[in-house]
């Protein structure tokens, strides 16, 4: 009994030391850049880190488009952002990343009604709620976290290309995770159900975003559009409650107190979206408001090309559509 109590005490002490170090080393975006006349899309911009990003951009004067699949949450978030920032130029649009049709409708609406797009932040994602196939025949977690973002990014490229200028590129950000390190790219089994642990599917989805950014950055050379990954670190958001509510609530509060709040988690994305030097790199990986590297296997060029081709096929893009994606409006 004494030994068990000693182990518990040691775990608590170690957790506190780690937490204190983490809290004291969390970086903050220091940019004072104003964004009047700029348009920014934040998927998942209605809660958690996405909402913190949207509030920050709104405070800087940007036109901010927030997107999520829940109308009440979206309308409430829009009202909250306007109330906090006094910026009336806030738009909510429905977007369900688990539906290729919804992604296409959202993108078509943006291309038709928006004159410019300066920053696209693919922030929306799910944890490990359920292992099932969507109506598109894709694994639910994979589609929300990766395939949906892949399709959305490509469909919005014409407007991003139109907006980007020398010295002031349009920016695409993909929110990955430290759990990309457990991810695998087993293309034969990527979309299977009852094959992976759900946390493994989550890691797979976050790993895929990194070679996607690398491959896309090569295809965008000379276009004044950059694409980068952002790793927010361990952040206490509702994503932990997507599986077990009780365990998720417990984990979320531990992360909140020992690691990062949603506001702190948003800082790296803000840095990558606003900092001048961050706009000078593409295909890069940011963590804690600085450049770093993902796991080595994420940088295999051969794997990135296979992933690209497989992703194009699975999101049902034709070769003609892909070519059109890289043409300015």
C-alpha atoms as a PDB file:
ATOM      1  CA  UNK A   1       0.000   0.000   0.000  1.00  0.00           C
ATOM      2  CA  UNK A   2       2.817   2.363   0.932  1.00  0.00           C
ATOM      3  CA  UNK A   3       4.509   1.667  -2.407  1.00  0.00           C
ATOM      4  CA  UNK A   4       1.356   2.490  -4.371  1.00  0.00           C
ATOM      5  CA  UNK A   5       0.915   5.783  -2.502  1.00  0.00           C
ATOM      6  CA  UNK A   6       4.556   6.638  -3.167  1.00  0.00           C
ATOM      7  CA  UNK A   7       4.115   5.988  -6.905  1.00  0.00           C
ATOM      8  CA  UNK A   8       0.975   8.142  -7.004  1.00  0.00           C
ATOM      9  CA  UNK A   9       2.791  10.936  -5.168  1.00  0.00           C
ATOM     10  CA  UNK A  10       5.721  10.757  -7.598  1.00  0.00           C
ATOM     11  CA  UNK A  11       3.368  10.872 -10.600  1.00  0.00           C
ATOM     12  CA  UNK A  12       1.622  13.944  -9.162  1.00  0.00           C
ATOM     13  CA  UNK A  13       4.936  15.675  -8.463  1.00  0.00           C
ATOM     14  CA  UNK A  14       6.252  14.924 -11.968  1.00  0.00           C
ATOM     15  CA  UNK A  15       2.973  16.156 -13.516  1.00  0.00           C
ATOM     16  CA  UNK A  16       3.186  19.395 -11.530  1.00  0.00           C
ATOM     17  CA  UNK A  17       6.807  19.983 -12.541  1.00  0.00           C
ATOM     18  CA  UNK A  18       5.998  19.308 -16.200  1.00  0.00           C
ATOM     19  CA  UNK A  19       2.956  21.554 -15.979  1.00  0.00           C
ATOM     20  CA  UNK A  20       4.844  24.443 -14.404  1.00  0.00           C
ATOM     21  CA  UNK A  21       7.586  24.165 -17.041  1.00  0.00           C
ATOM     22  CA  UNK A  22       4.999  23.980 -19.834  1.00  0.00           C
ATOM     23  CA  UNK A  23       3.037  26.982 -18.579  1.00  0.00           C
ATOM     24  CA  UNK A  24       6.228  29.022 -18.308  1.00  0.00           C
ATOM     25  CA  UNK A  25       7.442  28.136 -21.810  1.00  0.00           C
ATOM     26  CA  UNK A  26       4.223  28.482 -23.822  1.00  0.00           C
ATOM     27  CA  UNK A  27       4.975  30.982 -26.594  1.00  0.00           C
ATOM     28  CA  UNK A  28       2.637  33.842 -27.489  1.00  0.00           C
ATOM     29  CA  UNK A  29       2.153  35.500 -30.874  1.00  0.00           C
ATOM     30  CA  UNK A  30       3.473  39.055 -30.484  1.00  0.00           C
ATOM     31  CA  UNK A  31       2.444  40.385 -33.891  1.00  0.00           C
ATOM     32  CA  UNK A  32       0.590  43.707 -33.864  1.00  0.00           C
ATOM     33  CA  UNK A  33      -0.370  43.441 -37.510  1.00  0.00           C
ATOM     34  CA  UNK A  34      -3.718  44.953 -38.482  1.00  0.00           C
ATOM     35  CA  UNK A  35      -5.975  43.111 -40.936  1.00  0.00           C
ATOM     36  CA  UNK A  36      -8.421  45.660 -42.320  1.00  0.00           C
ATOM     37  CA  UNK A  37      -9.408  44.656 -45.835  1.00  0.00           C
ATOM     38  CA  UNK A  38      -8.294  41.036 -45.305  1.00  0.00           C
ATOM     39  CA  UNK A  39     -10.547  37.967 -45.322  1.00  0.00           C
ATOM     40  CA  UNK A  40      -9.846  34.926 -43.177  1.00  0.00           C
ATOM     41  CA  UNK A  41     -11.644  31.589 -42.976  1.00  0.00           C
ATOM     42  CA  UNK A  42     -11.404  29.548 -39.774  1.00  0.00           C
ATOM     43  CA  UNK A  43     -13.004  26.124 -39.949  1.00  0.00           C
ATOM     44  CA  UNK A  44     -14.098  25.071 -36.492  1.00  0.00           C
ATOM     45  CA  UNK A  45     -14.018  28.774 -35.651  1.00  0.00           C
ATOM     46  CA  UNK A  46     -17.049  28.502 -33.390  1.00  0.00           C
ATOM     47  CA  UNK A  47     -15.464  26.863 -30.332  1.00  0.00           C
ATOM     48  CA  UNK A  48     -12.151  26.131 -28.628  1.00  0.00           C
ATOM     49  CA  UNK A  49      -8.961  27.247 -30.354  1.00  0.00           C
ATOM     50  CA  UNK A  50     -10.803  28.197 -33.526  1.00  0.00           C
ATOM     51  CA  UNK A  51     -12.991  30.656 -31.663  1.00  0.00           C
ATOM     52  CA  UNK A  52      -9.920  32.195 -30.011  1.00  0.00           C
ATOM     53  CA  UNK A  53      -8.334  32.644 -33.448  1.00  0.00           C
ATOM     54  CA  UNK A  54     -11.498  34.180 -34.858  1.00  0.00           C
ATOM     55  CA  UNK A  55     -11.720  36.679 -31.982  1.00  0.00           C
ATOM     56  CA  UNK A  56      -8.090  37.682 -32.470  1.00  0.00           C
ATOM     57  CA  UNK A  57      -8.505  38.202 -36.220  1.00  0.00           C
ATOM     58  CA  UNK A  58     -11.711  40.154 -35.646  1.00  0.00           C
ATOM     59  CA  UNK A  59      -9.952  42.403 -33.140  1.00  0.00           C
ATOM     60  CA  UNK A  60      -7.413  43.169 -35.865  1.00  0.00           C
ATOM     61  CA  UNK A  61     -10.161  44.336 -38.231  1.00  0.00           C
ATOM     62  CA  UNK A  62     -10.401  41.339 -40.575  1.00  0.00           C
ATOM     63  CA  UNK A  63     -13.479  39.969 -42.262  1.00  0.00           C
ATOM     64  CA  UNK A  64     -13.726  36.607 -40.520  1.00  0.00           C
ATOM     65  CA  UNK A  65     -15.697  33.659 -41.852  1.00  0.00           C
ATOM     66  CA  UNK A  66     -16.258  30.940 -39.265  1.00  0.00           C
ATOM     67  CA  UNK A  67     -17.530  27.530 -40.289  1.00  0.00           C
ATOM     68  CA  UNK A  68     -18.919  24.483 -38.525  1.00  0.00           C
ATOM     69  CA  UNK A  69     -21.754  21.935 -39.040  1.00  0.00           C
ATOM     70  CA  UNK A  70     -23.910  23.223 -36.158  1.00  0.00           C
ATOM     71  CA  UNK A  71     -26.125  26.216 -36.883  1.00  0.00           C
ATOM     72  CA  UNK A  72     -26.909  27.210 -33.293  1.00  0.00           C
ATOM     73  CA  UNK A  73     -23.255  27.014 -32.276  1.00  0.00           C
ATOM     74  CA  UNK A  74     -22.262  29.044 -35.323  1.00  0.00           C
ATOM     75  CA  UNK A  75     -24.798  31.813 -34.757  1.00  0.00           C
ATOM     76  CA  UNK A  76     -23.924  32.027 -31.064  1.00  0.00           C
ATOM     77  CA  UNK A  77     -20.216  32.222 -31.872  1.00  0.00           C
ATOM     78  CA  UNK A  78     -20.796  34.977 -34.439  1.00  0.00           C
ATOM     79  CA  UNK A  79     -22.760  37.015 -31.907  1.00  0.00           C
ATOM     80  CA  UNK A  80     -20.078  36.466 -29.276  1.00  0.00           C
ATOM     81  CA  UNK A  81     -17.273  37.598 -31.588  1.00  0.00           C
ATOM     82  CA  UNK A  82     -19.184  40.729 -32.591  1.00  0.00           C
ATOM     83  CA  UNK A  83     -19.964  41.496 -28.961  1.00  0.00           C
ATOM     84  CA  UNK A  84     -16.344  41.078 -27.852  1.00  0.00           C
ATOM     85  CA  UNK A  85     -14.670  42.869 -30.766  1.00  0.00           C
ATOM     86  CA  UNK A  86     -17.325  45.305 -32.090  1.00  0.00           C
ATOM     87  CA  UNK A  87     -16.401  44.040 -35.546  1.00  0.00           C
ATOM     88  CA  UNK A  88     -19.621  43.513 -37.502  1.00  0.00           C
ATOM     89  CA  UNK A  89     -17.834  41.896 -40.444  1.00  0.00           C
ATOM     90  CA  UNK A  90     -18.198  38.365 -39.076  1.00  0.00           C
ATOM     91  CA  UNK A  91     -19.882  35.651 -41.143  1.00  0.00           C
ATOM     92  CA  UNK A  92     -21.006  32.171 -40.159  1.00  0.00           C
ATOM     93  CA  UNK A  93     -21.399  29.472 -42.797  1.00  0.00           C
ATOM     94  CA  UNK A  94     -22.381  25.837 -42.443  1.00  0.00           C
ATOM     95  CA  UNK A  95     -19.653  23.340 -43.291  1.00  0.00           C
ATOM     96  CA  UNK A  96     -19.718  19.618 -42.626  1.00  0.00           C
ATOM     97  CA  UNK A  97     -16.290  18.167 -43.394  1.00  0.00           C
ATOM     98  CA  UNK A  98     -17.763  14.652 -43.144  1.00  0.00           C
ATOM     99  CA  UNK A  99     -19.653  15.367 -46.380  1.00  0.00           C
ATOM    100  CA  UNK A 100     -17.889  15.970 -49.713  1.00  0.00           C
ATOM    101  CA  UNK A 101     -21.105  17.586 -50.949  1.00  0.00           C
ATOM    102  CA  UNK A 102     -21.100  20.059 -48.060  1.00  0.00           C
ATOM    103  CA  UNK A 103     -17.435  20.924 -48.691  1.00  0.00           C
ATOM    104  CA  UNK A 104     -18.142  21.564 -52.368  1.00  0.00           C
ATOM    105  CA  UNK A 105     -21.181  23.718 -51.552  1.00  0.00           C
ATOM    106  CA  UNK A 106     -19.206  25.760 -49.025  1.00  0.00           C
ATOM    107  CA  UNK A 107     -16.310  26.295 -51.431  1.00  0.00           C
ATOM    108  CA  UNK A 108     -18.627  27.241 -54.306  1.00  0.00           C
ATOM    109  CA  UNK A 109     -20.338  29.794 -52.054  1.00  0.00           C
ATOM    110  CA  UNK A 110     -16.993  31.331 -51.054  1.00  0.00           C
ATOM    111  CA  UNK A 111     -15.727  31.516 -54.642  1.00  0.00           C
ATOM    112  CA  UNK A 112     -18.966  33.135 -55.775  1.00  0.00           C
ATOM    113  CA  UNK A 113     -19.415  35.673 -52.994  1.00  0.00           C
ATOM    114  CA  UNK A 114     -15.938  36.584 -51.725  1.00  0.00           C
ATOM    115  CA  UNK A 115     -13.534  38.924 -53.541  1.00  0.00           C
ATOM    116  CA  UNK A 116     -10.439  37.671 -51.725  1.00  0.00           C
ATOM    117  CA  UNK A 117      -9.132  35.075 -49.292  1.00  0.00           C
ATOM    118  CA  UNK A 118      -5.962  35.948 -47.415  1.00  0.00           C
ATOM    119  CA  UNK A 119      -5.798  33.120 -44.892  1.00  0.00           C
ATOM    120  CA  UNK A 120      -7.443  29.690 -44.771  1.00  0.00           C
ATOM    121  CA  UNK A 121      -7.099  27.950 -41.423  1.00  0.00           C
ATOM    122  CA  UNK A 122      -8.093  24.300 -41.527  1.00  0.00           C
ATOM    123  CA  UNK A 123      -8.635  24.077 -37.790  1.00  0.00           C
ATOM    124  CA  UNK A 124     -11.764  21.913 -37.523  1.00  0.00           C
ATOM    125  CA  UNK A 125     -11.318  18.348 -36.397  1.00  0.00           C
ATOM    126  CA  UNK A 126     -12.628  15.527 -34.269  1.00  0.00           C
ATOM    127  CA  UNK A 127     -10.917  13.347 -31.688  1.00  0.00           C
ATOM    128  CA  UNK A 128     -11.922   9.707 -31.678  1.00  0.00           C
ATOM    129  CA  UNK A 129     -15.711   9.690 -31.396  1.00  0.00           C
ATOM    130  CA  UNK A 130     -16.646   6.733 -33.576  1.00  0.00           C
ATOM    131  CA  UNK A 131     -15.178   4.351 -36.105  1.00  0.00           C
ATOM    132  CA  UNK A 132     -17.593   4.309 -39.040  1.00  0.00           C
ATOM    133  CA  UNK A 133     -17.821   5.110 -42.717  1.00  0.00           C
ATOM    134  CA  UNK A 134     -19.435   8.302 -43.958  1.00  0.00           C
ATOM    135  CA  UNK A 135     -21.905   8.426 -46.845  1.00  0.00           C
ATOM    136  CA  UNK A 136     -18.876   9.074 -49.065  1.00  0.00           C
ATOM    137  CA  UNK A 137     -17.395   5.719 -48.062  1.00  0.00           C
ATOM    138  CA  UNK A 138     -14.551   7.264 -46.076  1.00  0.00           C
ATOM    139  CA  UNK A 139     -13.557   6.683 -42.479  1.00  0.00           C
ATOM    140  CA  UNK A 140     -15.331   9.387 -40.429  1.00  0.00           C
ATOM    141  CA  UNK A 141     -12.275  10.520 -38.450  1.00  0.00           C
ATOM    142  CA  UNK A 142     -10.077  10.510 -41.548  1.00  0.00           C
ATOM    143  CA  UNK A 143     -12.603  12.470 -43.573  1.00  0.00           C
ATOM    144  CA  UNK A 144     -13.183  15.215 -41.006  1.00  0.00           C
ATOM    145  CA  UNK A 145      -9.521  15.627 -40.079  1.00  0.00           C
ATOM    146  CA  UNK A 146      -7.846  15.084 -43.431  1.00  0.00           C
ATOM    147  CA  UNK A 147      -9.892  14.373 -46.579  1.00  0.00           C
ATOM    148  CA  UNK A 148     -12.338  17.231 -45.936  1.00  0.00           C
ATOM    149  CA  UNK A 149      -9.487  19.682 -45.389  1.00  0.00           C
ATOM    150  CA  UNK A 150      -7.697  18.346 -48.492  1.00  0.00           C
ATOM    151  CA  UNK A 151     -10.744  18.915 -50.707  1.00  0.00           C
ATOM    152  CA  UNK A 152     -11.618  22.286 -49.192  1.00  0.00           C
ATOM    153  CA  UNK A 153      -8.074  23.590 -49.609  1.00  0.00           C
ATOM    154  CA  UNK A 154      -7.847  22.591 -53.257  1.00  0.00           C
ATOM    155  CA  UNK A 155     -11.271  24.008 -54.132  1.00  0.00           C
ATOM    156  CA  UNK A 156     -10.401  27.373 -52.547  1.00  0.00           C
ATOM    157  CA  UNK A 157      -6.989  27.639 -54.220  1.00  0.00           C
ATOM    158  CA  UNK A 158      -8.202  29.828 -57.133  1.00  0.00           C
ATOM    159  CA  UNK A 159      -9.250  32.581 -54.706  1.00  0.00           C
ATOM    160  CA  UNK A 160      -6.103  32.193 -52.596  1.00  0.00           C
ATOM    161  CA  UNK A 161      -3.958  32.421 -55.744  1.00  0.00           C
ATOM    162  CA  UNK A 162      -5.861  35.509 -56.869  1.00  0.00           C
ATOM    163  CA  UNK A 163      -5.303  37.198 -53.499  1.00  0.00           C
ATOM    164  CA  UNK A 164      -1.613  36.418 -52.938  1.00  0.00           C
ATOM    165  CA  UNK A 165       0.912  39.083 -53.887  1.00  0.00           C
ATOM    166  CA  UNK A 166       4.743  39.278 -53.918  1.00  0.00           C
ATOM    167  CA  UNK A 167       5.881  39.850 -50.347  1.00  0.00           C
ATOM    168  CA  UNK A 168       2.363  39.234 -49.043  1.00  0.00           C
ATOM    169  CA  UNK A 169       1.342  35.668 -49.865  1.00  0.00           C
ATOM    170  CA  UNK A 170      -1.975  34.088 -49.067  1.00  0.00           C
ATOM    171  CA  UNK A 171      -1.555  31.517 -46.331  1.00  0.00           C
ATOM    172  CA  UNK A 172      -2.987  28.050 -45.794  1.00  0.00           C
ATOM    173  CA  UNK A 173      -2.630  26.486 -42.361  1.00  0.00           C
ATOM    174  CA  UNK A 174      -3.301  22.851 -41.500  1.00  0.00           C
ATOM    175  CA  UNK A 175      -3.750  21.996 -37.827  1.00  0.00           C
ATOM    176  CA  UNK A 176      -1.861  18.806 -37.060  1.00  0.00           C
ATOM    177  CA  UNK A 177      -1.039  17.253 -33.680  1.00  0.00           C
ATOM    178  CA  UNK A 178       1.832  15.772 -31.712  1.00  0.00           C
ATOM    179  CA  UNK A 179      -0.046  12.474 -32.153  1.00  0.00           C
ATOM    180  CA  UNK A 180       0.979  12.494 -35.811  1.00  0.00           C
ATOM    181  CA  UNK A 181       4.003  10.654 -34.409  1.00  0.00           C
ATOM    182  CA  UNK A 182       1.940   7.494 -33.904  1.00  0.00           C
ATOM    183  CA  UNK A 183       0.334   7.836 -37.340  1.00  0.00           C
ATOM    184  CA  UNK A 184       0.716   5.394 -40.211  1.00  0.00           C
ATOM    185  CA  UNK A 185       0.008   5.726 -43.930  1.00  0.00           C
ATOM    186  CA  UNK A 186      -1.158   2.220 -44.789  1.00  0.00           C
ATOM    187  CA  UNK A 187      -3.040   3.078 -47.970  1.00  0.00           C
ATOM    188  CA  UNK A 188      -4.675  -0.319 -48.340  1.00  0.00           C
ATOM    189  CA  UNK A 189      -6.294  -0.071 -44.912  1.00  0.00           C
ATOM    190  CA  UNK A 190      -6.585   3.691 -44.411  1.00  0.00           C
ATOM    191  CA  UNK A 191     -10.385   3.814 -44.521  1.00  0.00           C
ATOM    192  CA  UNK A 192     -11.207   0.506 -42.898  1.00  0.00           C
ATOM    193  CA  UNK A 193     -13.461   0.317 -39.838  1.00  0.00           C
ATOM    194  CA  UNK A 194     -12.900  -2.114 -36.970  1.00  0.00           C
ATOM    195  CA  UNK A 195      -9.253  -2.297 -38.037  1.00  0.00           C
ATOM    196  CA  UNK A 196      -7.462   0.472 -36.100  1.00  0.00           C
ATOM    197  CA  UNK A 197      -7.790   1.758 -32.563  1.00  0.00           C
ATOM    198  CA  UNK A 198      -9.626   5.069 -32.811  1.00  0.00           C
ATOM    199  CA  UNK A 199      -6.676   6.987 -31.379  1.00  0.00           C
ATOM    200  CA  UNK A 200      -4.561   5.411 -34.135  1.00  0.00           C
ATOM    201  CA  UNK A 201      -6.980   6.701 -36.798  1.00  0.00           C
ATOM    202  CA  UNK A 202      -6.650  10.161 -35.265  1.00  0.00           C
ATOM    203  CA  UNK A 203      -2.851   9.896 -35.472  1.00  0.00           C
ATOM    204  CA  UNK A 204      -3.103   8.690 -39.079  1.00  0.00           C
ATOM    205  CA  UNK A 205      -5.253  11.672 -40.032  1.00  0.00           C
ATOM    206  CA  UNK A 206      -2.871  14.168 -38.456  1.00  0.00           C
ATOM    207  CA  UNK A 207       0.163  12.550 -40.061  1.00  0.00           C
ATOM    208  CA  UNK A 208      -1.403  12.819 -43.535  1.00  0.00           C
ATOM    209  CA  UNK A 209      -1.640  16.598 -43.247  1.00  0.00           C
ATOM    210  CA  UNK A 210       2.148  16.957 -43.178  1.00  0.00           C
ATOM    211  CA  UNK A 211       3.081  15.311 -46.513  1.00  0.00           C
ATOM    212  CA  UNK A 212      -0.018  16.979 -47.988  1.00  0.00           C
ATOM    213  CA  UNK A 213       1.431  20.380 -47.062  1.00  0.00           C
ATOM    214  CA  UNK A 214       4.835  19.396 -48.458  1.00  0.00           C
ATOM    215  CA  UNK A 215       3.426  18.191 -51.771  1.00  0.00           C
ATOM    216  CA  UNK A 216       1.047  21.136 -52.138  1.00  0.00           C
ATOM    217  CA  UNK A 217       3.831  23.622 -51.411  1.00  0.00           C
ATOM    218  CA  UNK A 218       5.793  22.239 -54.369  1.00  0.00           C
ATOM    219  CA  UNK A 219       2.799  22.522 -56.669  1.00  0.00           C
ATOM    220  CA  UNK A 220       2.238  26.119 -55.523  1.00  0.00           C
ATOM    221  CA  UNK A 221       5.762  27.377 -56.205  1.00  0.00           C
ATOM    222  CA  UNK A 222       5.648  30.820 -57.806  1.00  0.00           C
ATOM    223  CA  UNK A 223       1.983  31.366 -56.945  1.00  0.00           C
ATOM    224  CA  UNK A 224       2.389  33.619 -53.857  1.00  0.00           C
ATOM    225  CA  UNK A 225       0.512  31.094 -51.723  1.00  0.00           C
ATOM    226  CA  UNK A 226       2.188  29.289 -48.832  1.00  0.00           C
ATOM    227  CA  UNK A 227       0.942  26.238 -46.946  1.00  0.00           C
ATOM    228  CA  UNK A 228       2.206  25.180 -43.525  1.00  0.00           C
ATOM    229  CA  UNK A 229       1.362  22.873 -40.642  1.00  0.00           C
ATOM    230  CA  UNK A 230       0.728  24.113 -37.115  1.00  0.00           C
ATOM    231  CA  UNK A 231       0.957  21.895 -34.038  1.00  0.00           C
ATOM    232  CA  UNK A 232      -0.866  23.583 -31.139  1.00  0.00           C
ATOM    233  CA  UNK A 233       0.515  21.212 -28.482  1.00  0.00           C
ATOM    234  CA  UNK A 234      -1.622  19.640 -25.769  1.00  0.00           C
ATOM    235  CA  UNK A 235      -4.714  21.841 -25.473  1.00  0.00           C
ATOM    236  CA  UNK A 236      -7.680  21.368 -23.150  1.00  0.00           C
ATOM    237  CA  UNK A 237     -10.643  21.481 -25.540  1.00  0.00           C
ATOM    238  CA  UNK A 238     -13.869  19.525 -25.977  1.00  0.00           C
ATOM    239  CA  UNK A 239     -12.117  17.200 -28.419  1.00  0.00           C
ATOM    240  CA  UNK A 240     -11.163  15.062 -25.420  1.00  0.00           C
ATOM    241  CA  UNK A 241     -14.856  14.469 -24.708  1.00  0.00           C
ATOM    242  CA  UNK A 242     -15.599  13.036 -28.140  1.00  0.00           C
ATOM    243  CA  UNK A 243     -15.145   9.489 -26.844  1.00  0.00           C
ATOM    244  CA  UNK A 244     -15.856   8.911 -23.158  1.00  0.00           C
ATOM    245  CA  UNK A 245     -17.515  11.978 -21.630  1.00  0.00           C
ATOM    246  CA  UNK A 246     -16.296  11.235 -18.117  1.00  0.00           C
ATOM    247  CA  UNK A 247     -12.717  10.353 -19.049  1.00  0.00           C
ATOM    248  CA  UNK A 248     -12.655  13.204 -21.559  1.00  0.00           C
ATOM    249  CA  UNK A 249     -13.790  15.723 -18.957  1.00  0.00           C
ATOM    250  CA  UNK A 250     -11.057  14.496 -16.600  1.00  0.00           C
ATOM    251  CA  UNK A 251      -8.341  14.667 -19.285  1.00  0.00           C
ATOM    252  CA  UNK A 252      -9.476  18.051 -20.580  1.00  0.00           C
ATOM    253  CA  UNK A 253      -9.173  19.618 -17.147  1.00  0.00           C
ATOM    254  CA  UNK A 254      -5.750  18.093 -16.558  1.00  0.00           C
ATOM    255  CA  UNK A 255      -4.547  19.469 -19.910  1.00  0.00           C
ATOM    256  CA  UNK A 256      -6.092  22.868 -19.195  1.00  0.00           C
ATOM    257  CA  UNK A 257      -4.252  23.163 -15.902  1.00  0.00           C
ATOM    258  CA  UNK A 258      -0.945  21.588 -16.827  1.00  0.00           C
ATOM    259  CA  UNK A 259      -0.483  22.394 -20.508  1.00  0.00           C
ATOM    260  CA  UNK A 260      -2.510  24.800 -22.674  1.00  0.00           C
ATOM    261  CA  UNK A 261      -5.817  26.609 -22.655  1.00  0.00           C
ATOM    262  CA  UNK A 262      -7.563  27.152 -26.026  1.00  0.00           C
ATOM    263  CA  UNK A 263      -6.167  30.703 -26.103  1.00  0.00           C
ATOM    264  CA  UNK A 264      -2.635  29.410 -25.587  1.00  0.00           C
ATOM    265  CA  UNK A 265      -3.204  26.652 -28.136  1.00  0.00           C
ATOM    266  CA  UNK A 266      -4.256  29.219 -30.738  1.00  0.00           C
ATOM    267  CA  UNK A 267      -0.998  31.173 -30.543  1.00  0.00           C
ATOM    268  CA  UNK A 268       1.041  29.081 -33.003  1.00  0.00           C
ATOM    269  CA  UNK A 269      -1.662  29.333 -35.682  1.00  0.00           C
ATOM    270  CA  UNK A 270      -1.854  33.096 -35.109  1.00  0.00           C
ATOM    271  CA  UNK A 271       1.919  33.330 -35.441  1.00  0.00           C
ATOM    272  CA  UNK A 272       1.942  31.323 -38.686  1.00  0.00           C
ATOM    273  CA  UNK A 273      -0.903  33.447 -40.068  1.00  0.00           C
ATOM    274  CA  UNK A 274       0.508  36.854 -39.098  1.00  0.00           C
ATOM    275  CA  UNK A 275       4.288  36.799 -38.750  1.00  0.00           C
ATOM    276  CA  UNK A 276       6.226  38.109 -41.755  1.00  0.00           C
ATOM    277  CA  UNK A 277       8.966  35.460 -41.581  1.00  0.00           C
ATOM    278  CA  UNK A 278       6.376  32.707 -41.230  1.00  0.00           C
ATOM    279  CA  UNK A 279       4.998  33.827 -44.583  1.00  0.00           C
ATOM    280  CA  UNK A 280       8.380  33.288 -46.225  1.00  0.00           C
ATOM    281  CA  UNK A 281       8.362  29.494 -45.810  1.00  0.00           C
ATOM    282  CA  UNK A 282       6.083  26.830 -47.230  1.00  0.00           C
ATOM    283  CA  UNK A 283       5.659  23.139 -46.467  1.00  0.00           C
ATOM    284  CA  UNK A 284       6.964  23.837 -42.965  1.00  0.00           C
ATOM    285  CA  UNK A 285       5.946  22.710 -39.487  1.00  0.00           C
ATOM    286  CA  UNK A 286       5.358  25.202 -36.664  1.00  0.00           C
ATOM    287  CA  UNK A 287       5.103  24.452 -32.960  1.00  0.00           C
ATOM    288  CA  UNK A 288       5.134  26.871 -30.022  1.00  0.00           C
ATOM    289  CA  UNK A 289       5.429  29.839 -32.398  1.00  0.00           C
ATOM    290  CA  UNK A 290       8.587  28.551 -34.040  1.00  0.00           C
ATOM    291  CA  UNK A 291       9.842  26.377 -36.867  1.00  0.00           C
ATOM    292  CA  UNK A 292      10.551  22.748 -36.054  1.00  0.00           C
ATOM    293  CA  UNK A 293      10.215  19.349 -37.725  1.00  0.00           C
ATOM    294  CA  UNK A 294       7.652  16.602 -37.685  1.00  0.00           C
ATOM    295  CA  UNK A 295       8.537  12.914 -37.449  1.00  0.00           C
ATOM    296  CA  UNK A 296      11.050  11.982 -40.177  1.00  0.00           C
ATOM    297  CA  UNK A 297       8.744   9.614 -42.090  1.00  0.00           C
ATOM    298  CA  UNK A 298       6.388  12.523 -42.772  1.00  0.00           C
ATOM    299  CA  UNK A 299       8.900  13.901 -45.300  1.00  0.00           C
ATOM    300  CA  UNK A 300       9.097  10.976 -47.734  1.00  0.00           C
ATOM    301  CA  UNK A 301       8.508  12.468 -51.208  1.00  0.00           C
ATOM    302  CA  UNK A 302       7.407   9.162 -52.710  1.00  0.00           C
ATOM    303  CA  UNK A 303       4.804   8.644 -49.977  1.00  0.00           C
ATOM    304  CA  UNK A 304       3.592  12.238 -50.377  1.00  0.00           C
ATOM    305  CA  UNK A 305       2.944  11.717 -54.089  1.00  0.00           C
ATOM    306  CA  UNK A 306       1.073   8.463 -53.470  1.00  0.00           C
ATOM    307  CA  UNK A 307      -0.984  10.148 -50.739  1.00  0.00           C
ATOM    308  CA  UNK A 308      -1.801  13.007 -53.107  1.00  0.00           C
ATOM    309  CA  UNK A 309      -3.020  10.704 -55.862  1.00  0.00           C
ATOM    310  CA  UNK A 310      -5.001   8.553 -53.453  1.00  0.00           C
ATOM    311  CA  UNK A 311      -6.576  11.623 -51.828  1.00  0.00           C
ATOM    312  CA  UNK A 312      -7.606  13.093 -55.190  1.00  0.00           C
ATOM    313  CA  UNK A 313      -9.292   9.801 -56.030  1.00  0.00           C
ATOM    314  CA  UNK A 314     -11.074   9.414 -52.713  1.00  0.00           C
ATOM    315  CA  UNK A 315     -12.473  12.966 -52.635  1.00  0.00           C
ATOM    316  CA  UNK A 316     -13.696  12.405 -56.197  1.00  0.00           C
ATOM    317  CA  UNK A 317     -11.809  15.186 -57.943  1.00  0.00           C
ATOM    318  CA  UNK A 318     -11.330  14.773 -61.675  1.00  0.00           C
ATOM    319  CA  UNK A 319      -8.017  15.603 -63.342  1.00  0.00           C
ATOM    320  CA  UNK A 320      -9.679  18.581 -65.017  1.00  0.00           C
ATOM    321  CA  UNK A 321     -10.920  19.860 -61.647  1.00  0.00           C
ATOM    322  CA  UNK A 322      -7.443  19.535 -60.140  1.00  0.00           C
ATOM    323  CA  UNK A 323      -5.991  21.610 -62.981  1.00  0.00           C
ATOM    324  CA  UNK A 324      -8.685  24.257 -62.464  1.00  0.00           C
ATOM    325  CA  UNK A 325      -7.841  24.418 -58.762  1.00  0.00           C
ATOM    326  CA  UNK A 326      -4.423  25.834 -59.619  1.00  0.00           C
ATOM    327  CA  UNK A 327      -5.812  28.561 -61.879  1.00  0.00           C
ATOM    328  CA  UNK A 328      -6.438  32.026 -60.479  1.00  0.00           C
ATOM    329  CA  UNK A 329      -9.976  33.379 -60.624  1.00  0.00           C
END
